[in-house]
Amino acid sequence: MLRSLFGLGPKADLPKLLAEGATILDVRTEQEFSRGHATGAVNIPLDELLLYLHMIRKDKPVVTCCHSGRRSAMAAETLKSHGFDAHNGGRWTKVQAALSDQ
């Protein structure tokens, strides 16, 4: 668990997940998100995630991202505990790069 909280768990196959139409969930603050984000990402700050679970589709994978990968790891664990197929994508720039490679 501690390894996954710091983004050290199993690596997500970002290109595959994104090609499958995964939802990109950016859990940074609104202000951070406004300064740049992965194309098509949805912004729900980590501290508001539980309030907005109902807005996230459960029928497709979710790739979480943030600034460093720490918040996105916590978000992915939270989503998994609520029945989502969630994967920590790490930094939002890494997710954007995977999108650009498609």
N, C-alpha and C. Protein backbone atom coordinates (compact mmCIF):
# COMPACT_ATOMS: atom_id res chain seq x y z
N MET A 1 0.83 -1.20 0.00
CA MET A 1 0.00 0.00 0.00
C MET A 1 0.88 1.25 0.00
N LEU A 2 1.90 1.28 0.86
CA LEU A 2 2.77 2.45 0.92
C LEU A 2 3.45 2.69 -0.42
N ARG A 3 3.90 1.62 -1.07
CA ARG A 3 4.53 1.77 -2.39
C ARG A 3 3.57 2.40 -3.39
N SER A 4 2.31 1.97 -3.37
CA SER A 4 1.36 2.51 -4.34
C SER A 4 1.01 3.96 -4.04
N LEU A 5 1.04 4.36 -2.77
CA LEU A 5 0.75 5.76 -2.43
C LEU A 5 1.80 6.71 -2.97
N PHE A 6 2.99 6.21 -3.18
CA PHE A 6 4.06 7.05 -3.71
C PHE A 6 4.34 6.75 -5.17
N GLY A 7 3.39 6.09 -5.83
CA GLY A 7 3.52 5.82 -7.25
C GLY A 7 4.56 4.78 -7.58
N LEU A 8 4.87 3.90 -6.62
CA LEU A 8 5.90 2.89 -6.84
C LEU A 8 5.32 1.51 -7.10
N GLY A 9 4.01 1.42 -7.22
CA GLY A 9 3.36 0.15 -7.48
C GLY A 9 3.52 -0.24 -8.93
N PRO A 10 2.73 -1.23 -9.37
CA PRO A 10 2.80 -1.66 -10.76
C PRO A 10 2.53 -0.49 -11.71
N LYS A 11 3.28 -0.44 -12.78
CA LYS A 11 3.12 0.65 -13.75
C LYS A 11 1.91 0.39 -14.64
N ALA A 12 1.14 1.42 -14.86
CA ALA A 12 -0.01 1.33 -15.76
C ALA A 12 0.48 1.36 -17.20
N ASP A 13 -0.17 0.60 -18.06
CA ASP A 13 0.12 0.64 -19.49
C ASP A 13 -0.70 1.78 -20.09
N LEU A 14 -0.18 3.00 -19.93
CA LEU A 14 -0.92 4.19 -20.33
C LEU A 14 -1.40 4.17 -21.77
N PRO A 15 -0.53 3.88 -22.75
CA PRO A 15 -1.01 3.90 -24.13
C PRO A 15 -2.19 2.95 -24.36
N LYS A 16 -2.13 1.77 -23.76
CA LYS A 16 -3.22 0.79 -23.91
C LYS A 16 -4.49 1.29 -23.26
N LEU A 17 -4.38 1.77 -22.02
CA LEU A 17 -5.56 2.27 -21.31
C LEU A 17 -6.19 3.44 -22.04
N LEU A 18 -5.37 4.36 -22.52
CA LEU A 18 -5.90 5.53 -23.23
C LEU A 18 -6.53 5.14 -24.56
N ALA A 19 -5.92 4.15 -25.25
CA ALA A 19 -6.49 3.67 -26.51
C ALA A 19 -7.84 2.99 -26.27
N GLU A 20 -8.02 2.44 -25.08
CA GLU A 20 -9.30 1.80 -24.72
C GLU A 20 -10.35 2.82 -24.30
N GLY A 21 -9.98 4.09 -24.29
CA GLY A 21 -10.93 5.14 -23.95
C GLY A 21 -11.04 5.45 -22.48
N ALA A 22 -9.96 5.22 -21.74
CA ALA A 22 -9.96 5.49 -20.31
C ALA A 22 -10.29 6.96 -20.03
N THR A 23 -10.98 7.18 -18.93
CA THR A 23 -11.21 8.53 -18.44
C THR A 23 -9.92 9.02 -17.81
N ILE A 24 -9.50 10.22 -18.15
CA ILE A 24 -8.32 10.83 -17.52
C ILE A 24 -8.83 11.75 -16.42
N LEU A 25 -8.45 11.43 -15.19
CA LEU A 25 -8.91 12.20 -14.04
C LEU A 25 -7.72 12.90 -13.41
N ASP A 26 -7.70 14.22 -13.52
CA ASP A 26 -6.64 15.05 -12.94
C ASP A 26 -7.10 15.51 -11.57
N VAL A 27 -6.37 15.13 -10.53
CA VAL A 27 -6.81 15.41 -9.16
C VAL A 27 -6.10 16.60 -8.52
N ARG A 28 -5.48 17.43 -9.35
CA ARG A 28 -4.86 18.65 -8.82
C ARG A 28 -5.94 19.69 -8.54
N THR A 29 -5.53 20.78 -7.91
CA THR A 29 -6.48 21.86 -7.65
C THR A 29 -6.92 22.49 -8.97
N GLU A 30 -8.02 23.21 -8.91
CA GLU A 30 -8.54 23.90 -10.10
C GLU A 30 -7.49 24.87 -10.66
N GLN A 31 -6.80 25.55 -9.77
CA GLN A 31 -5.77 26.52 -10.20
C GLN A 31 -4.62 25.80 -10.93
N GLU A 32 -4.15 24.69 -10.38
CA GLU A 32 -3.08 23.93 -11.03
C GLU A 32 -3.55 23.43 -12.39
N PHE A 33 -4.76 22.91 -12.45
CA PHE A 33 -5.34 22.38 -13.68
C PHE A 33 -5.41 23.46 -14.76
N SER A 34 -5.77 24.67 -14.35
CA SER A 34 -5.92 25.76 -15.32
C SER A 34 -4.59 26.16 -15.97
N ARG A 35 -3.48 25.81 -15.34
CA ARG A 35 -2.16 26.15 -15.90
C ARG A 35 -1.67 25.12 -16.90
N GLY A 36 -2.42 24.06 -17.09
CA GLY A 36 -2.05 23.02 -18.05
C GLY A 36 -2.56 21.68 -17.59
N HIS A 37 -3.01 20.86 -18.55
CA HIS A 37 -3.52 19.53 -18.23
C HIS A 37 -3.52 18.67 -19.49
N ALA A 38 -3.66 17.37 -19.26
CA ALA A 38 -3.71 16.43 -20.39
C ALA A 38 -4.99 16.67 -21.18
N THR A 39 -4.89 16.55 -22.47
CA THR A 39 -6.04 16.73 -23.36
C THR A 39 -7.18 15.81 -22.96
N GLY A 40 -8.34 16.39 -22.76
CA GLY A 40 -9.53 15.60 -22.42
C GLY A 40 -9.67 15.24 -20.95
N ALA A 41 -8.75 15.69 -20.12
CA ALA A 41 -8.80 15.35 -18.70
C ALA A 41 -9.98 16.03 -18.01
N VAL A 42 -10.51 15.33 -17.02
CA VAL A 42 -11.56 15.86 -16.15
C VAL A 42 -10.87 16.25 -14.85
N ASN A 43 -11.21 17.41 -14.31
CA ASN A 43 -10.59 17.88 -13.08
C ASN A 43 -11.53 17.71 -11.89
N ILE A 44 -11.12 16.85 -10.97
CA ILE A 44 -11.79 16.73 -9.67
C ILE A 44 -10.66 16.71 -8.64
N PRO A 45 -10.49 17.79 -7.89
CA PRO A 45 -9.42 17.82 -6.90
C PRO A 45 -9.54 16.66 -5.91
N LEU A 46 -8.41 16.14 -5.48
CA LEU A 46 -8.37 14.99 -4.59
C LEU A 46 -9.27 15.17 -3.38
N ASP A 47 -9.24 16.35 -2.77
CA ASP A 47 -10.03 16.55 -1.56
C ASP A 47 -11.54 16.62 -1.81
N GLU A 48 -11.95 16.60 -3.08
CA GLU A 48 -13.37 16.60 -3.44
C GLU A 48 -13.79 15.29 -4.11
N LEU A 49 -12.87 14.38 -4.25
CA LEU A 49 -13.12 13.16 -5.03
C LEU A 49 -14.34 12.38 -4.54
N LEU A 50 -14.45 12.15 -3.25
CA LEU A 50 -15.57 11.37 -2.73
C LEU A 50 -16.91 12.03 -3.00
N LEU A 51 -16.93 13.35 -3.09
CA LEU A 51 -18.18 14.07 -3.36
C LEU A 51 -18.65 13.88 -4.80
N TYR A 52 -17.72 13.58 -5.70
CA TYR A 52 -18.04 13.53 -7.13
C TYR A 52 -17.86 12.14 -7.75
N LEU A 53 -17.78 11.10 -6.93
CA LEU A 53 -17.65 9.75 -7.48
C LEU A 53 -18.76 9.42 -8.46
N HIS A 54 -19.94 9.92 -8.19
CA HIS A 54 -21.10 9.63 -9.05
C HIS A 54 -20.93 10.19 -10.46
N MET A 55 -20.00 11.10 -10.66
CA MET A 55 -19.79 11.70 -11.98
C MET A 55 -18.77 10.94 -12.83
N ILE A 56 -18.16 9.91 -12.24
CA ILE A 56 -17.12 9.16 -12.94
C ILE A 56 -17.72 7.83 -13.41
N ARG A 57 -17.53 7.54 -14.68
CA ARG A 57 -18.08 6.31 -15.25
C ARG A 57 -17.32 5.10 -14.73
N LYS A 58 -18.07 4.07 -14.35
CA LYS A 58 -17.48 2.83 -13.85
C LYS A 58 -17.30 1.80 -14.97
N ASP A 59 -17.84 2.08 -16.15
CA ASP A 59 -17.81 1.09 -17.23
C ASP A 59 -16.56 1.19 -18.11
N LYS A 60 -15.63 2.04 -17.72
CA LYS A 60 -14.36 2.10 -18.45
C LYS A 60 -13.25 2.45 -17.47
N PRO A 61 -12.00 2.16 -17.83
CA PRO A 61 -10.89 2.43 -16.91
C PRO A 61 -10.73 3.92 -16.63
N VAL A 62 -10.13 4.21 -15.49
CA VAL A 62 -9.83 5.58 -15.09
C VAL A 62 -8.33 5.69 -14.87
N VAL A 63 -7.71 6.67 -15.50
CA VAL A 63 -6.29 6.96 -15.29
C VAL A 63 -6.22 8.25 -14.51
N THR A 64 -5.64 8.19 -13.31
CA THR A 64 -5.51 9.39 -12.49
C THR A 64 -4.15 10.04 -12.75
N CYS A 65 -4.10 11.36 -12.61
CA CYS A 65 -2.84 12.08 -12.76
C CYS A 65 -2.85 13.32 -11.89
N CYS A 66 -1.68 13.86 -11.66
CA CYS A 66 -1.52 15.07 -10.84
C CYS A 66 -0.18 15.72 -11.19
N HIS A 67 0.43 16.40 -10.25
CA HIS A 67 1.71 17.06 -10.50
C HIS A 67 2.89 16.10 -10.40
N SER A 68 2.91 15.28 -9.35
CA SER A 68 4.07 14.40 -9.12
C SER A 68 3.75 12.92 -9.14
N GLY A 69 2.49 12.56 -8.99
CA GLY A 69 2.10 11.16 -8.93
C GLY A 69 1.63 10.72 -7.55
N ARG A 70 1.87 11.53 -6.55
CA ARG A 70 1.47 11.17 -5.19
C ARG A 70 -0.04 11.26 -4.99
N ARG A 71 -0.63 12.39 -5.35
CA ARG A 71 -2.08 12.55 -5.21
C ARG A 71 -2.83 11.59 -6.13
N SER A 72 -2.28 11.39 -7.32
CA SER A 72 -2.96 10.49 -8.26
C SER A 72 -2.93 9.04 -7.76
N ALA A 73 -1.86 8.66 -7.04
CA ALA A 73 -1.80 7.32 -6.44
C ALA A 73 -2.88 7.19 -5.37
N MET A 74 -3.04 8.21 -4.55
CA MET A 74 -4.08 8.17 -3.51
C MET A 74 -5.47 8.12 -4.15
N ALA A 75 -5.66 8.88 -5.23
CA ALA A 75 -6.95 8.88 -5.92
C ALA A 75 -7.25 7.52 -6.53
N ALA A 76 -6.25 6.91 -7.15
CA ALA A 76 -6.45 5.59 -7.75
C ALA A 76 -6.84 4.56 -6.69
N GLU A 77 -6.19 4.60 -5.54
CA GLU A 77 -6.53 3.68 -4.45
C GLU A 77 -7.95 3.93 -3.95
N THR A 78 -8.33 5.19 -3.82
CA THR A 78 -9.69 5.52 -3.40
C THR A 78 -10.71 4.99 -4.40
N LEU A 79 -10.45 5.22 -5.67
CA LEU A 79 -11.36 4.75 -6.72
C LEU A 79 -11.46 3.23 -6.72
N LYS A 80 -10.34 2.55 -6.59
CA LYS A 80 -10.35 1.08 -6.55
C LYS A 80 -11.21 0.59 -5.39
N SER A 81 -11.09 1.25 -4.24
CA SER A 81 -11.86 0.82 -3.07
C SER A 81 -13.37 1.04 -3.25
N HIS A 82 -13.74 1.82 -4.27
CA HIS A 82 -15.15 2.06 -4.58
C HIS A 82 -15.58 1.33 -5.87
N GLY A 83 -14.78 0.37 -6.30
CA GLY A 83 -15.17 -0.48 -7.42
C GLY A 83 -14.79 -0.01 -8.80
N PHE A 84 -13.95 0.99 -8.91
CA PHE A 84 -13.51 1.47 -10.22
C PHE A 84 -12.28 0.70 -10.68
N ASP A 85 -12.10 0.60 -11.98
CA ASP A 85 -10.89 0.06 -12.59
C ASP A 85 -9.94 1.25 -12.76
N ALA A 86 -9.21 1.57 -11.69
CA ALA A 86 -8.41 2.80 -11.65
C ALA A 86 -6.92 2.50 -11.70
N HIS A 87 -6.18 3.38 -12.37
CA HIS A 87 -4.74 3.23 -12.55
C HIS A 87 -4.05 4.57 -12.33
N ASN A 88 -2.95 4.54 -11.61
CA ASN A 88 -2.18 5.77 -11.37
C ASN A 88 -1.34 6.08 -12.60
N GLY A 89 -1.67 7.17 -13.27
CA GLY A 89 -0.91 7.58 -14.44
C GLY A 89 0.30 8.44 -14.08
N GLY A 90 0.38 8.89 -12.82
CA GLY A 90 1.51 9.72 -12.39
C GLY A 90 1.34 11.17 -12.80
N ARG A 91 2.44 11.76 -13.24
CA ARG A 91 2.42 13.17 -13.66
C ARG A 91 1.49 13.38 -14.85
N TRP A 92 0.81 14.51 -14.86
CA TRP A 92 -0.09 14.79 -15.98
C TRP A 92 0.67 14.92 -17.28
N THR A 93 1.92 15.39 -17.21
CA THR A 93 2.71 15.53 -18.44
C THR A 93 3.04 14.16 -19.04
N LYS A 94 3.18 13.15 -18.19
CA LYS A 94 3.41 11.78 -18.65
C LYS A 94 2.17 11.25 -19.38
N VAL A 95 0.99 11.55 -18.85
CA VAL A 95 -0.25 11.14 -19.48
C VAL A 95 -0.40 11.85 -20.83
N GLN A 96 -0.08 13.15 -20.86
CA GLN A 96 -0.15 13.92 -22.11
C GLN A 96 0.81 13.33 -23.15
N ALA A 97 2.01 12.95 -22.73
CA ALA A 97 2.98 12.37 -23.65
C ALA A 97 2.45 11.05 -24.22
N ALA A 98 1.79 10.25 -23.38
CA ALA A 98 1.22 8.99 -23.86
C ALA A 98 0.10 9.25 -24.86
N LEU A 99 -0.67 10.30 -24.65
CA LEU A 99 -1.70 10.68 -25.61
C LEU A 99 -1.09 11.11 -26.93
N SER A 100 -0.01 11.85 -26.86
CA SER A 100 0.66 12.36 -28.06
C SER A 100 1.28 11.24 -28.88
N ASP A 101 1.62 10.13 -28.21
CA ASP A 101 2.24 9.00 -28.91
C ASP A 101 1.23 8.15 -29.67
N GLN A 102 -0.05 8.41 -29.45
CA GLN A 102 -1.08 7.60 -30.10
C GLN A 102 -1.24 7.98 -31.55
